[in-house]
Amino acid sequence: MILSKSYIILNKLRFHAYHGVMEQERSVGNDYTVSLRVEYDTQKASSSDNVDDTLNYADVYDVVNEVMNVPAALIEKVASDIVSALFERFKEISSIRISLLKNNPPMGADCEGAGVELHYLR
């Protein structure tokens, strides 16, 4: 059996944060949803069954939470900062797919969110 690729997934993490171009967005805030697919080699963890041998998704969440608490004008910047922080902290990560949605964007549309999806390779 050959493992081709492996990922951890954090799906629809919810945050209230103060990102946005408009003054109201930066003072009142908005709700955001972040989803990640993080590629790394899970073989050691699969064999050992030891949390020390894995990319701990709680540690990944902590990094995302930290970055989400730093206001920025554009969600593209926030998503890029999350990826940069994850690559910096976890050398075992080889790629990251991130989706960052503003759940109630100030554009007068009835929608479930607007945002970006980005895929980065180390």
Protein backbone atom coordinates (compact mmCIF):
# COMPACT_ATOMS: atom_id res chain seq x y z
CA MET A 1 0.00 0.00 0.00
CA ILE A 2 1.41 3.37 -1.05
CA LEU A 3 0.23 6.63 0.48
CA SER A 4 0.13 9.21 -2.29
CA LYS A 5 -0.79 12.35 -0.32
CA SER A 6 -2.14 13.08 3.13
CA TYR A 7 -3.81 16.05 4.74
CA ILE A 8 -5.33 17.35 7.91
CA ILE A 9 -8.51 19.30 7.43
CA LEU A 10 -9.96 22.05 9.59
CA ASN A 11 -13.41 22.77 8.25
CA LYS A 12 -15.44 25.92 8.78
CA LEU A 13 -13.62 27.44 11.74
CA ARG A 14 -15.70 30.39 12.94
CA PHE A 15 -14.29 33.75 14.06
CA HIS A 16 -15.52 37.24 14.82
CA ALA A 17 -12.83 39.61 13.56
CA TYR A 18 -12.25 43.18 12.45
CA HIS A 19 -11.08 42.94 8.85
CA GLY A 20 -12.37 45.18 6.10
CA VAL A 21 -11.95 48.29 4.04
CA MET A 22 -14.95 50.11 5.49
CA GLU A 23 -14.67 51.85 8.88
CA GLN A 24 -17.76 50.06 10.19
CA GLU A 25 -16.23 46.66 9.42
CA ARG A 26 -13.12 47.58 11.38
CA SER A 27 -15.06 48.87 14.39
CA VAL A 28 -18.04 46.48 14.60
CA GLY A 29 -16.42 43.45 13.02
CA ASN A 30 -17.92 40.60 11.08
CA ASP A 31 -18.17 36.84 11.26
CA TYR A 32 -15.69 34.80 9.20
CA THR A 33 -15.30 31.17 8.26
CA VAL A 34 -11.89 29.62 7.58
CA SER A 35 -11.35 26.15 6.10
CA LEU A 36 -7.94 24.57 5.60
CA ARG A 37 -6.54 21.51 3.86
CA VAL A 38 -2.95 21.11 4.99
CA GLU A 39 -0.73 18.60 3.23
CA TYR A 40 1.95 16.78 5.21
CA ASP A 41 3.25 13.23 5.51
CA THR A 42 1.09 11.28 7.99
CA GLN A 43 2.98 7.97 7.72
CA LYS A 44 4.92 8.28 10.98
CA ALA A 45 1.77 9.17 12.94
CA SER A 46 -0.17 6.38 11.24
CA SER A 47 2.40 3.84 12.42
CA SER A 48 3.13 5.16 15.90
CA ASP A 49 -0.37 6.28 16.97
CA ASN A 50 1.42 9.02 18.93
CA VAL A 51 0.24 12.64 18.87
CA ASP A 52 3.87 13.80 18.99
CA ASP A 53 4.34 12.33 15.50
CA THR A 54 1.51 14.24 13.86
CA LEU A 55 0.72 17.76 12.79
CA ASN A 56 -1.62 18.55 15.66
CA TYR A 57 -4.72 20.31 14.34
CA ALA A 58 -5.17 22.11 17.69
CA ASP A 59 -1.76 23.75 17.16
CA VAL A 60 -2.76 24.68 13.59
CA TYR A 61 -5.98 26.23 14.93
CA ASP A 62 -3.99 28.30 17.45
CA VAL A 63 -1.95 29.85 14.61
CA VAL A 64 -5.10 30.63 12.59
CA ASN A 65 -6.77 32.18 15.64
CA GLU A 66 -3.72 34.34 16.33
CA VAL A 67 -3.65 35.73 12.78
CA MET A 68 -7.41 36.27 12.65
CA ASN A 69 -7.04 38.60 15.65
CA VAL A 70 -4.82 41.01 13.67
CA PRO A 71 -7.03 43.44 11.70
CA ALA A 72 -6.35 43.92 7.99
CA ALA A 73 -8.16 45.68 5.16
CA LEU A 74 -8.30 42.73 2.75
CA ILE A 75 -9.14 39.08 3.34
CA GLU A 76 -6.53 38.16 0.75
CA LYS A 77 -3.94 39.59 3.15
CA VAL A 78 -5.39 37.70 6.11
CA ALA A 79 -5.41 34.39 4.22
CA SER A 80 -1.84 34.96 3.04
CA ASP A 81 -0.72 35.82 6.57
CA ILE A 82 -2.31 32.62 7.91
CA VAL A 83 -0.47 30.54 5.32
CA SER A 84 2.85 32.31 5.97
CA ALA A 85 2.52 31.75 9.72
CA LEU A 86 1.69 28.06 9.24
CA PHE A 87 4.61 27.48 6.86
CA GLU A 88 6.93 29.28 9.29
CA ARG A 89 5.81 27.31 12.35
CA PHE A 90 5.41 23.84 10.81
CA LYS A 91 8.26 22.85 8.50
CA GLU A 92 6.55 19.53 7.68
CA ILE A 93 3.74 21.25 5.74
CA SER A 94 4.16 20.96 1.97
CA SER A 95 1.00 22.74 0.77
CA ILE A 96 -2.04 24.57 2.10
CA ARG A 97 -5.44 25.21 0.57
CA ILE A 98 -7.30 27.93 2.47
CA SER A 99 -10.80 29.30 2.12
CA LEU A 100 -11.65 32.51 3.99
CA LEU A 101 -15.22 33.81 3.84
CA LYS A 102 -16.75 36.97 5.22
CA ASN A 103 -20.12 35.61 6.29
CA ASN A 104 -22.06 38.88 5.98
CA PRO A 105 -20.26 41.00 3.39
CA PRO A 106 -21.40 44.64 3.12
CA MET A 107 -22.54 44.47 -0.49
CA GLY A 108 -26.33 44.34 -0.26
CA ALA A 109 -26.62 40.73 -1.40
CA ASP A 110 -28.42 37.85 0.25
CA CYS A 111 -25.63 35.28 0.41
CA GLU A 112 -23.84 32.91 2.73
CA GLY A 113 -20.55 34.75 2.33
CA ALA A 114 -17.94 36.17 0.02
CA GLY A 115 -14.27 35.43 0.13
CA VAL A 116 -11.19 33.82 -1.34
CA GLU A 117 -9.79 30.35 -1.86
CA LEU A 118 -6.03 30.10 -2.27
CA HIS A 119 -3.64 27.19 -2.76
CA TYR A 120 -0.01 27.60 -1.71
CA LEU A 121 2.94 25.25 -2.20
CA ARG A 122 6.05 25.47 -0.05
